[in-house]
Amino acid sequence: MCDTTPLFGEPRRQVVSTEAVQSTLIERNGIDLVPEAERTAKPRDLFWPWFAANVSVLGMGYGAWILGFGISFWQATLVAIVGIVFSFFLCGVIAIAGKRGSVPTMVLSRAAFGVQGQKLPGIISWITSIGWETVLAITAVLATGTVFRQLGWSTDGTGGVVVNIVATVVVAALIIGAAVLGYHTIMKLQSILTWITGIMTVIFLVLTFGYIDWGTAFSHPDGNLAQMIGALVFTMTGFGLGWINIAADWTRYQKRETPGSKIVAWNTFGGSVAPIILVVFGLLLVASNKTVTIAGEEVGLADAINSDPIGALASILPVWLLFPFLIVAILTQVSGAVLGIYSSGLTLLSLGIKIPRPTAAAIDGVILTVGTIAVVFFAQDFIGPFQTFLTTLGVPLAAWAGILIADILLRRKDYDTEALFDGRGRYGSVNWTAIVIFVVAIAVGWGFVVSSLFTWQGYFLTMFGWLDDWGYANLGVLFALVIGFIATLVLSKGAVSRQELA
């Protein structure tokens, strides 16, 4: 039996096998239980993966996208801070489950959905992780092409195609290589990249500070409530909610007695501190309404970011810094993508695929490469597919997050890890209550979002006549999160209590 443990308290240690698994270069743990002897990580160790994955120049690009909702600089700043901090706080709550159960996030989710029922949100989680790592790879490749043109090393013809092909291969190889090696390599890599990318980011901020036109930046008129909510939801899905389905993957190596409050604090701090600085600075740059030169043409910075976020920002740097900036920019994208592909491999295993963890990561890497090629070589712009990805998958991810957060809050004991792998155990094969809540929350959520590629969405907005005023407020993401959370608290309380008495 497991010992009683409050959400943010000091649980008593659960006695399990302490036989150490011999350390190797390649992590062998997949979705199986991490042995007690290997659970040596400290809460502050969580800072490195979350900070390194989010200290990306891409964060400045959000300045253009948030202002694109038609709000003022001050409104955008408030939205950015609230959206970033709150979304990573939610990640921290889910991360508590990792130290309680010592298995990946999607395996822990079986407690809420059932061992087989978890496959439904698991598939969506896998697609989301693949999507995020592909987005990061795409921005790295696009930036490479833009910087090479700025340096005069390629053109938009055959030379540009060759650069994009080589960049795709190199970026994919870096991401796949680190993900295949696994947890310990990634944690060391992230601690190194944190310093490298952090220093380059500071240099970027210093050298582009004079680009800001303070009077123009502060003169943007205020937007309405719908525009602010739309920007808030966009920020939440672009930051913490984009990582929430893998949050517990990085805490399964934490000691069982680690207080939940420290897990939440280090997740929130590590994930939030860099994006807040970068987004606010990006807001100042974009709100200055200046133009940049891309491929010999003068374009607005916001428009340039919509096509190539990192490359557009590189265009305001001095020429001598372009190549070092490119290297670090690629590393920041690789850093985030590595977390995604590592966890997407674990999610693939949780769906019942019987292959080693490194092989799962490699398979996802191939899909990442194909997706990168599709967007880089065939898409008209970056922002259209990106926004569609965030809103469409943000709804089911928010619904799942609401359900799992409520389930974590309802539980007072560590997970029965054997039952997480046996449909005949206390968690059952399929929890139909959770499945129905999940499906209903998605149906409601998709009815209150719109995107540029999927015209079938927004059916409730059309029905209620809200499309013009609330069309791009992305209310559906918030509705899905709230429905999943409240419905689970109300309908699953008794079931969770019975499970913990079993």
Protein backbone atom coordinates (compact mmCIF):
# COMPACT_ATOMS: atom_id res chain seq x y z
CA MET A 1 0.00 0.00 0.00
CA CYS A 2 1.09 3.60 -0.59
CA ASP A 3 1.44 6.18 2.16
CA THR A 4 -0.81 9.21 2.50
CA THR A 5 0.70 12.36 1.02
CA PRO A 6 -0.73 15.90 0.64
CA LEU A 7 -0.26 17.73 -2.65
CA PHE A 8 2.46 20.07 -1.40
CA GLY A 9 3.57 18.07 1.62
CA GLU A 10 6.43 15.76 2.62
CA PRO A 11 5.31 12.21 1.74
CA ARG A 12 6.82 9.23 3.53
CA ARG A 13 9.10 7.18 1.36
CA GLN A 14 7.50 4.27 -0.46
CA VAL A 15 9.60 1.13 -0.21
CA VAL A 16 10.44 -0.30 -3.64
CA SER A 17 13.44 -2.06 -5.08
CA THR A 18 16.63 -0.04 -4.67
CA GLU A 19 18.77 -2.09 -7.02
CA ALA A 20 20.66 0.39 -9.18
CA VAL A 21 20.53 0.12 -12.92
CA GLN A 22 23.99 0.40 -14.38
CA SER A 23 24.52 3.80 -15.97
CA THR A 24 25.28 3.81 -19.70
CA LEU A 25 25.68 6.48 -22.34
CA ILE A 26 22.21 5.73 -23.69
CA GLU A 27 19.33 5.85 -21.22
CA ARG A 28 17.61 2.47 -21.10
CA ASN A 29 14.59 3.50 -19.02
CA GLY A 30 11.51 3.81 -21.15
CA ILE A 31 8.02 3.99 -19.68
CA ASP A 32 8.98 1.56 -16.93
CA LEU A 33 9.34 2.54 -13.28
CA VAL A 34 12.56 4.45 -12.52
CA PRO A 35 14.38 2.48 -9.77
CA GLU A 36 14.60 4.20 -6.42
CA ALA A 37 18.40 4.22 -6.54
CA GLU A 38 18.33 6.33 -9.73
CA ARG A 39 16.01 8.97 -8.28
CA THR A 40 18.75 11.35 -7.23
CA ALA A 41 17.68 14.60 -8.95
CA LYS A 42 17.09 17.75 -6.89
CA PRO A 43 14.24 20.24 -7.45
CA ARG A 44 16.65 22.93 -8.67
CA ASP A 45 17.78 20.53 -11.43
CA LEU A 46 14.42 21.20 -13.08
CA PHE A 47 15.52 24.76 -13.81
CA TRP A 48 17.95 23.70 -16.55
CA PRO A 49 15.69 21.87 -19.01
CA TRP A 50 12.86 24.38 -18.66
CA PHE A 51 15.07 27.47 -18.93
CA ALA A 52 17.20 26.15 -21.81
CA ALA A 53 14.13 25.06 -23.77
CA ASN A 54 12.51 28.49 -23.43
CA VAL A 55 15.43 30.95 -23.66
CA SER A 56 14.83 31.06 -27.39
CA VAL A 57 14.95 34.08 -29.66
CA LEU A 58 11.63 32.76 -30.95
CA GLY A 59 10.16 34.20 -27.75
CA MET A 60 10.72 37.69 -29.15
CA GLY A 61 8.65 36.73 -32.17
CA TYR A 62 5.65 36.43 -29.89
CA GLY A 63 5.82 40.22 -29.58
CA ALA A 64 4.57 40.50 -33.16
CA TRP A 65 1.91 37.84 -32.75
CA ILE A 66 0.56 39.18 -29.45
CA LEU A 67 0.38 42.76 -30.77
CA GLY A 68 -1.30 41.33 -33.85
CA PHE A 69 -4.44 40.89 -31.75
CA GLY A 70 -4.78 44.70 -31.78
CA ILE A 71 -3.85 45.51 -28.18
CA SER A 72 -1.51 48.13 -26.71
CA PHE A 73 2.02 47.55 -25.44
CA TRP A 74 0.89 47.70 -21.79
CA GLN A 75 -1.98 45.30 -22.36
CA ALA A 76 0.35 42.95 -24.24
CA THR A 77 2.88 43.07 -21.40
CA LEU A 78 0.22 42.15 -18.84
CA VAL A 79 -1.08 39.36 -21.07
CA ALA A 80 2.43 37.99 -21.60
CA ILE A 81 3.33 37.88 -17.90
CA VAL A 82 0.02 36.35 -16.77
CA GLY A 83 -0.15 33.87 -19.64
CA ILE A 84 3.44 32.67 -19.30
CA VAL A 85 3.50 32.34 -15.51
CA PHE A 86 0.07 30.73 -15.18
CA SER A 87 0.66 28.21 -17.98
CA PHE A 88 4.00 27.08 -16.53
CA PHE A 89 2.39 26.91 -13.07
CA LEU A 90 -0.06 24.39 -14.52
CA CYS A 91 2.94 22.45 -15.85
CA GLY A 92 4.35 22.44 -12.33
CA VAL A 93 1.18 20.95 -10.86
CA ILE A 94 1.21 18.11 -13.38
CA ALA A 95 4.95 17.62 -12.75
CA ILE A 96 4.09 16.61 -9.17
CA ALA A 97 2.70 13.37 -10.57
CA GLY A 98 6.16 12.44 -11.89
CA LYS A 99 7.77 12.21 -8.47
CA ARG A 100 4.72 10.40 -7.11
CA GLY A 101 4.77 7.70 -9.77
CA SER A 102 8.30 7.59 -11.30
CA VAL A 103 6.93 7.00 -14.81
CA PRO A 104 6.31 9.36 -17.76
CA THR A 105 3.38 11.78 -17.92
CA MET A 106 1.23 9.79 -20.31
CA VAL A 107 1.58 6.62 -18.25
CA LEU A 108 0.56 8.53 -15.12
CA SER A 109 -2.46 9.80 -17.05
CA ARG A 110 -3.74 6.20 -17.08
CA ALA A 111 -4.87 6.72 -13.49
CA ALA A 112 -7.44 9.22 -14.77
CA PHE A 113 -8.40 7.62 -18.10
CA GLY A 114 -7.74 3.93 -17.54
CA VAL A 115 -4.88 1.87 -18.94
CA GLN A 116 -6.45 1.52 -22.39
CA GLY A 117 -8.58 4.67 -22.26
CA GLN A 118 -5.41 6.76 -22.02
CA LYS A 119 -4.60 5.92 -25.64
CA LEU A 120 -7.10 8.53 -26.88
CA PRO A 121 -5.43 11.57 -25.24
CA GLY A 122 -2.09 9.79 -25.72
CA ILE A 123 -2.40 9.94 -29.49
CA ILE A 124 -3.23 13.65 -29.33
CA SER A 125 -0.29 14.23 -26.98
CA TRP A 126 2.05 12.42 -29.36
CA ILE A 127 0.88 14.51 -32.32
CA THR A 128 1.28 17.70 -30.25
CA SER A 129 4.83 16.85 -29.22
CA ILE A 130 5.75 15.99 -32.79
CA GLY A 131 4.20 19.28 -33.89
CA TRP A 132 6.14 21.38 -31.38
CA GLU A 133 9.50 19.83 -32.15
CA THR A 134 8.80 20.31 -35.86
CA VAL A 135 7.92 23.99 -35.29
CA LEU A 136 11.25 24.52 -33.55
CA ALA A 137 13.16 22.72 -36.29
CA ILE A 138 11.38 24.78 -38.94
CA THR A 139 12.32 28.09 -37.32
CA ALA A 140 15.96 26.99 -37.12
CA VAL A 141 16.04 26.06 -40.82
CA LEU A 142 14.24 29.24 -41.94
CA ALA A 143 16.64 31.35 -39.87
CA THR A 144 19.61 29.64 -41.52
CA GLY A 145 18.38 30.54 -45.00
CA THR A 146 17.68 34.17 -44.05
CA VAL A 147 21.04 34.70 -42.31
CA PHE A 148 22.95 33.13 -45.20
CA ARG A 149 21.21 35.51 -47.61
CA GLN A 150 22.01 38.45 -45.35
CA LEU A 151 25.67 37.41 -45.41
CA GLY A 152 25.61 37.00 -49.19
CA TRP A 153 26.42 33.29 -48.95
CA SER A 154 23.34 32.11 -50.84
CA THR A 155 20.50 33.36 -53.02
CA ASP A 156 16.83 32.51 -53.32
CA GLY A 157 17.65 30.13 -56.20
CA THR A 158 19.40 26.78 -56.15
CA GLY A 159 21.86 27.98 -53.51
CA GLY A 160 19.04 28.76 -51.12
CA VAL A 161 17.48 25.32 -51.61
CA VAL A 162 20.80 23.63 -50.89
CA VAL A 163 21.24 25.69 -47.70
CA ASN A 164 17.76 24.70 -46.50
CA ILE A 165 18.38 21.02 -47.25
CA VAL A 166 21.71 20.99 -45.41
CA ALA A 167 20.22 22.96 -42.50
CA THR A 168 17.33 20.50 -42.24
CA VAL A 169 19.69 17.53 -42.11
CA VAL A 170 22.00 19.12 -39.51
CA VAL A 171 19.18 20.35 -37.26
CA ALA A 172 17.35 17.03 -37.40
CA ALA A 173 20.56 15.11 -36.65
CA LEU A 174 21.30 17.24 -33.57
CA ILE A 175 17.76 16.86 -32.23
CA ILE A 176 17.51 13.12 -32.88
CA GLY A 177 21.00 12.40 -31.55
CA ALA A 178 20.41 14.02 -28.17
CA ALA A 179 16.93 12.51 -27.82
CA VAL A 180 18.20 9.01 -28.54
CA LEU A 181 20.88 9.33 -25.82
CA GLY A 182 18.17 10.20 -23.30
CA TYR A 183 17.54 11.86 -19.96
CA HIS A 184 21.05 12.17 -18.48
CA THR A 185 22.60 13.50 -21.70
CA ILE A 186 19.74 15.95 -22.17
CA MET A 187 20.06 17.29 -18.63
CA LYS A 188 23.80 17.89 -19.10
CA LEU A 189 23.23 19.39 -22.55
CA GLN A 190 20.55 21.76 -21.25
CA SER A 191 22.76 23.04 -18.43
CA ILE A 192 25.48 23.90 -20.98
CA LEU A 193 23.09 25.44 -23.49
CA THR A 194 21.55 27.58 -20.77
CA TRP A 195 24.80 29.50 -20.35
CA ILE A 196 25.60 29.74 -24.08
CA THR A 197 22.16 30.85 -25.16
CA GLY A 198 21.72 33.10 -22.13
CA ILE A 199 24.92 35.02 -22.90
CA MET A 200 24.06 35.42 -26.59
CA THR A 201 20.55 36.58 -25.69
CA VAL A 202 21.98 39.29 -23.44
CA ILE A 203 24.29 40.40 -26.28
CA PHE A 204 21.30 40.54 -28.63
CA LEU A 205 19.32 42.67 -26.18
CA VAL A 206 22.21 45.10 -25.73
CA LEU A 207 22.96 45.49 -29.46
CA THR A 208 19.33 45.97 -30.50
CA PHE A 209 18.30 48.21 -27.61
CA GLY A 210 18.82 51.33 -29.74
CA TYR A 211 16.35 49.96 -32.31
CA ILE A 212 13.47 50.69 -29.93
CA ASP A 213 11.37 53.81 -30.54
CA TRP A 214 9.91 54.31 -27.07
CA GLY A 215 7.37 56.95 -28.04
CA THR A 216 5.95 54.87 -30.86
CA ALA A 217 5.98 51.69 -28.81
CA PHE A 218 3.92 53.24 -26.03
CA SER A 219 1.48 54.96 -28.38
CA HIS A 220 -0.44 51.91 -29.57
CA PRO A 221 -4.15 52.20 -28.66
CA ASP A 222 -5.79 49.79 -26.24
CA GLY A 223 -7.73 46.81 -27.54
CA ASN A 224 -10.99 45.41 -26.21
CA LEU A 225 -11.57 42.49 -23.83
CA ALA A 226 -11.97 39.92 -26.60
CA GLN A 227 -8.64 40.91 -28.12
CA MET A 228 -6.88 40.66 -24.75
CA ILE A 229 -8.36 37.22 -24.06
CA GLY A 230 -7.33 36.06 -27.51
CA ALA A 231 -3.76 37.21 -26.90
CA LEU A 232 -3.78 35.62 -23.43
CA VAL A 233 -4.89 32.22 -24.71
CA PHE A 234 -2.42 32.40 -27.59
CA THR A 235 0.38 33.08 -25.08
CA MET A 236 -0.69 30.23 -22.80
CA THR A 237 -0.84 27.71 -25.65
CA GLY A 238 2.46 28.96 -27.05
CA PHE A 239 4.29 28.53 -23.76
CA GLY A 240 3.28 26.39 -20.76
CA LEU A 241 0.30 24.59 -22.33
CA GLY A 242 2.56 23.59 -25.20
CA TRP A 243 4.76 21.66 -22.75
CA ILE A 244 2.14 20.47 -20.27
CA ASN A 245 1.76 16.97 -21.71
CA ILE A 246 5.42 16.18 -20.93
CA ALA A 247 5.76 18.04 -17.61
CA ALA A 248 6.07 14.94 -15.42
CA ASP A 249 8.69 13.31 -17.66
CA TRP A 250 11.39 15.40 -16.00
CA THR A 251 10.33 14.79 -12.40
CA ARG A 252 10.28 11.01 -12.44
CA TYR A 253 13.95 11.09 -11.41
CA GLN A 254 13.15 13.30 -8.42
CA LYS A 255 13.31 11.83 -4.91
CA ARG A 256 9.93 10.68 -3.65
CA GLU A 257 10.14 12.88 -0.54
CA THR A 258 10.64 16.07 -2.58
CA PRO A 259 7.94 18.62 -1.58
CA GLY A 260 5.41 19.30 -4.33
CA SER A 261 5.74 23.04 -3.72
CA LYS A 262 9.39 22.93 -4.82
CA ILE A 263 8.49 20.98 -7.96
CA VAL A 264 5.91 23.63 -8.88
CA ALA A 265 8.21 26.53 -8.01
CA TRP A 266 11.22 25.37 -10.05
CA ASN A 267 9.06 24.41 -13.04
CA THR A 268 7.32 27.78 -13.02
CA PHE A 269 10.47 29.80 -12.45
CA GLY A 270 12.62 27.89 -14.96
CA GLY A 271 9.98 28.01 -17.66
CA SER A 272 8.83 31.62 -17.14
CA VAL A 273 11.84 33.82 -16.42
CA ALA A 274 13.39 33.85 -19.90
CA PRO A 275 10.15 34.07 -21.94
CA ILE A 276 8.90 37.06 -19.93
CA ILE A 277 12.05 39.04 -20.67
CA LEU A 278 12.17 37.97 -24.32
CA VAL A 279 8.50 38.56 -25.08
CA VAL A 280 8.46 42.02 -23.46
CA PHE A 281 11.59 43.00 -25.38
CA GLY A 282 10.03 41.62 -28.55
CA LEU A 283 6.95 43.73 -27.89
CA LEU A 284 9.14 46.83 -27.69
CA LEU A 285 10.91 45.98 -30.94
CA VAL A 286 7.75 45.26 -32.91
CA ALA A 287 5.73 48.11 -31.40
CA SER A 288 8.41 50.51 -32.64
CA ASN A 289 6.93 50.02 -36.14
CA LYS A 290 10.26 50.03 -37.94
CA THR A 291 11.23 48.22 -41.13
CA VAL A 292 13.97 45.69 -41.83
CA THR A 293 15.71 44.66 -45.01
CA ILE A 294 15.06 41.05 -46.05
CA ALA A 295 16.49 39.81 -49.37
CA GLY A 296 16.98 43.42 -50.48
CA GLU A 297 13.40 44.48 -49.72
CA GLU A 298 12.13 46.78 -46.97
CA VAL A 299 9.38 45.15 -44.92
CA GLY A 300 7.84 45.77 -41.52
CA LEU A 301 9.42 43.79 -38.71
CA ALA A 302 6.07 42.26 -37.73
CA ASP A 303 5.44 41.04 -41.30
CA ALA A 304 8.96 39.65 -41.53
CA ILE A 305 8.48 37.73 -38.28
CA ASN A 306 5.29 36.14 -39.62
CA SER A 307 7.34 34.54 -42.41
CA ASP A 308 10.60 33.81 -40.59
CA PRO A 309 10.63 34.70 -36.85
CA ILE A 310 14.31 34.24 -36.01
CA GLY A 311 15.66 35.34 -39.37
CA ALA A 312 13.68 38.57 -39.17
CA LEU A 313 15.15 39.38 -35.76
CA ALA A 314 18.65 38.57 -37.02
CA SER A 315 18.24 41.21 -39.73
CA ILE A 316 18.55 44.05 -37.19
CA LEU A 317 21.93 42.83 -35.95
CA PRO A 318 25.33 44.00 -37.23
CA VAL A 319 26.71 41.75 -39.98
CA TRP A 320 29.66 40.55 -37.88
CA LEU A 321 27.30 39.00 -35.34
CA LEU A 322 24.99 37.24 -37.77
CA PHE A 323 26.78 33.91 -37.96
CA PRO A 324 27.40 33.54 -34.18
CA PHE A 325 23.77 34.55 -33.66
CA LEU A 326 22.64 31.87 -36.11
CA ILE A 327 24.59 29.14 -34.33
CA VAL A 328 23.13 30.06 -30.96
CA ALA A 329 19.64 30.49 -32.44
CA ILE A 330 19.84 26.97 -33.88
CA LEU A 331 21.00 25.62 -30.52
CA THR A 332 18.07 27.25 -28.72
CA GLN A 333 15.61 25.62 -31.10
CA VAL A 334 17.40 22.29 -30.84
CA SER A 335 17.28 22.58 -27.05
CA GLY A 336 13.50 22.87 -27.02
CA ALA A 337 12.98 20.27 -29.73
CA VAL A 338 15.10 17.71 -27.87
CA LEU A 339 12.71 17.84 -24.91
CA GLY A 340 9.79 17.38 -27.26
CA ILE A 341 11.16 14.45 -29.25
CA TYR A 342 12.39 12.67 -26.13
CA SER A 343 8.93 12.86 -24.58
CA SER A 344 7.10 12.08 -27.82
CA GLY A 345 9.10 8.85 -27.93
CA LEU A 346 7.94 8.02 -24.40
CA THR A 347 4.35 8.80 -25.40
CA LEU A 348 4.66 6.49 -28.40
CA LEU A 349 5.74 3.69 -26.05
CA SER A 350 2.79 4.44 -23.73
CA LEU A 351 0.44 3.70 -26.65
CA GLY A 352 1.58 0.09 -26.57
CA ILE A 353 4.29 0.16 -29.24
CA LYS A 354 6.81 -2.54 -28.26
CA ILE A 355 10.14 -0.97 -29.24
CA PRO A 356 13.14 0.37 -27.27
CA ARG A 357 12.98 4.03 -26.18
CA PRO A 358 15.89 5.12 -28.44
CA THR A 359 14.14 3.57 -31.44
CA ALA A 360 10.92 5.44 -30.61
CA ALA A 361 12.85 8.73 -30.47
CA ALA A 362 14.46 7.94 -33.83
CA ILE A 363 11.07 7.22 -35.45
CA ASP A 364 9.72 10.53 -34.20
CA GLY A 365 12.86 12.20 -35.57
CA VAL A 366 12.08 10.92 -39.06
CA ILE A 367 8.56 12.35 -38.82
CA LEU A 368 10.04 15.66 -37.60
CA THR A 369 12.31 15.79 -40.65
CA VAL A 370 9.44 15.16 -43.05
CA GLY A 371 7.29 17.83 -41.38
CA THR A 372 10.13 20.35 -41.51
CA ILE A 373 10.64 19.75 -45.22
CA ALA A 374 6.90 20.13 -45.89
CA VAL A 375 6.66 23.59 -44.28
CA VAL A 376 10.07 24.98 -45.28
CA PHE A 377 9.72 24.07 -48.94
CA PHE A 378 5.97 24.17 -49.56
CA ALA A 379 4.13 26.40 -47.02
CA GLN A 380 3.37 30.02 -47.94
CA ASP A 381 4.30 31.38 -44.52
CA PHE A 382 5.07 30.29 -40.95
CA ILE A 383 2.41 32.00 -38.88
CA GLY A 384 -0.64 30.45 -40.62
CA PRO A 385 0.24 26.80 -39.94
CA PHE A 386 1.61 27.75 -36.50
CA GLN A 387 -1.58 29.45 -35.30
CA THR A 388 -3.72 26.61 -36.66
CA PHE A 389 -1.52 24.11 -34.83
CA LEU A 390 -1.79 26.03 -31.53
CA THR A 391 -5.57 26.47 -31.58
CA THR A 392 -6.56 23.08 -33.00
CA LEU A 393 -4.38 20.93 -30.73
CA GLY A 394 -4.52 23.44 -27.88
CA VAL A 395 -8.17 22.55 -27.24
CA PRO A 396 -7.75 18.80 -26.58
CA LEU A 397 -4.49 19.43 -24.72
CA ALA A 398 -6.28 21.91 -22.44
CA ALA A 399 -9.13 19.44 -21.90
CA TRP A 400 -6.66 16.71 -20.95
CA ALA A 401 -4.73 19.09 -18.67
CA GLY A 402 -7.90 20.10 -16.83
CA ILE A 403 -8.82 16.46 -16.24
CA LEU A 404 -5.35 15.42 -15.07
CA ILE A 405 -4.83 18.45 -12.81
CA ALA A 406 -8.15 17.74 -11.10
CA ASP A 407 -7.22 14.06 -10.78
CA ILE A 408 -3.87 14.99 -9.17
CA LEU A 409 -5.58 17.33 -6.70
CA LEU A 410 -8.07 14.62 -5.73
CA ARG A 411 -5.40 12.03 -4.94
CA ARG A 412 -3.74 11.74 -1.53
CA LYS A 413 -1.54 8.71 -2.15
CA ASP A 414 1.33 7.79 -4.44
CA TYR A 415 0.36 5.96 -7.62
CA ASP A 416 0.00 2.19 -7.67
CA THR A 417 2.59 1.74 -10.41
CA GLU A 418 1.71 -1.89 -11.08
CA ALA A 419 -1.91 -0.91 -11.73
CA LEU A 420 -0.74 1.70 -14.28
CA PHE A 421 0.33 -1.21 -16.50
CA ASP A 422 -2.54 -3.61 -15.81
CA GLY A 423 -6.09 -2.89 -16.95
CA ARG A 424 -7.37 -5.30 -14.29
CA GLY A 425 -5.88 -3.12 -11.52
CA ARG A 426 -7.45 -0.32 -9.52
CA TYR A 427 -7.40 2.18 -12.40
CA GLY A 428 -9.26 -0.13 -14.75
CA SER A 429 -9.04 -0.51 -18.50
CA VAL A 430 -11.22 2.45 -19.59
CA ASN A 431 -12.60 5.24 -17.40
CA TRP A 432 -15.62 6.21 -19.43
CA THR A 433 -16.37 9.22 -17.24
CA ALA A 434 -13.01 10.77 -18.13
CA ILE A 435 -13.40 9.85 -21.80
CA VAL A 436 -16.84 11.49 -22.02
CA ILE A 437 -15.59 14.62 -20.23
CA PHE A 438 -12.62 14.75 -22.62
CA VAL A 439 -14.76 14.40 -25.77
CA VAL A 440 -17.37 16.92 -24.60
CA ALA A 441 -14.70 19.46 -23.63
CA ILE A 442 -13.10 19.11 -27.08
CA ALA A 443 -16.43 19.45 -28.87
CA VAL A 444 -17.22 22.62 -26.94
CA GLY A 445 -13.70 23.97 -27.35
CA TRP A 446 -13.47 23.54 -31.11
CA GLY A 447 -16.82 25.29 -31.40
CA PHE A 448 -15.29 28.43 -29.90
CA VAL A 449 -12.02 28.70 -31.85
CA VAL A 450 -11.24 29.60 -35.45
CA SER A 451 -8.15 29.06 -37.56
CA SER A 452 -6.97 30.00 -41.03
CA LEU A 453 -6.80 26.41 -42.30
CA PHE A 454 -9.78 24.61 -40.68
CA THR A 455 -12.94 26.45 -41.64
CA TRP A 456 -15.17 23.89 -39.90
CA GLN A 457 -14.18 25.20 -36.48
CA GLY A 458 -16.07 27.97 -34.67
CA TYR A 459 -19.53 26.44 -35.11
CA PHE A 460 -20.77 27.72 -31.74
CA LEU A 461 -19.40 31.19 -32.45
CA THR A 462 -21.44 31.23 -35.66
CA MET A 463 -24.52 29.80 -33.92
CA PHE A 464 -24.48 32.47 -31.20
CA GLY A 465 -23.52 35.32 -33.52
CA TRP A 466 -20.21 35.88 -31.72
CA LEU A 467 -17.91 35.32 -34.67
CA ASP A 468 -17.21 38.98 -35.44
CA ASP A 469 -16.55 40.04 -31.83
CA TRP A 470 -15.02 36.88 -30.32
CA GLY A 471 -13.81 34.95 -33.35
CA TYR A 472 -10.12 35.13 -32.56
CA ALA A 473 -10.37 35.22 -28.76
CA ASN A 474 -9.70 31.45 -28.69
CA LEU A 475 -12.27 31.02 -25.93
CA GLY A 476 -12.47 27.33 -26.73
CA VAL A 477 -9.09 26.61 -25.14
CA LEU A 478 -10.18 28.17 -21.85
CA PHE A 479 -13.58 26.45 -22.00
CA ALA A 480 -11.95 23.05 -22.57
CA LEU A 481 -9.56 23.56 -19.65
CA VAL A 482 -12.33 24.65 -17.26
CA ILE A 483 -14.80 21.94 -18.33
CA GLY A 484 -12.17 19.23 -17.94
CA PHE A 485 -11.15 20.49 -14.51
CA ILE A 486 -14.54 21.16 -12.93
CA ALA A 487 -16.29 18.10 -14.38
CA THR A 488 -13.50 15.83 -13.11
CA LEU A 489 -13.55 17.38 -9.63
CA VAL A 490 -17.30 16.82 -9.40
CA LEU A 491 -17.74 13.49 -11.18
CA SER A 492 -14.55 11.62 -10.28
CA LYS A 493 -14.14 12.39 -6.57
CA GLY A 494 -15.90 9.22 -5.45
CA ALA A 495 -14.06 7.01 -7.94
CA VAL A 496 -10.66 8.31 -6.86
CA SER A 497 -11.53 7.75 -3.20
CA ARG A 498 -12.54 4.13 -3.95
CA GLN A 499 -9.31 3.56 -5.88
CA GLU A 500 -7.19 4.71 -2.98
CA LEU A 501 -9.08 2.46 -0.56
CA ALA A 502 -8.52 -0.59 -2.75
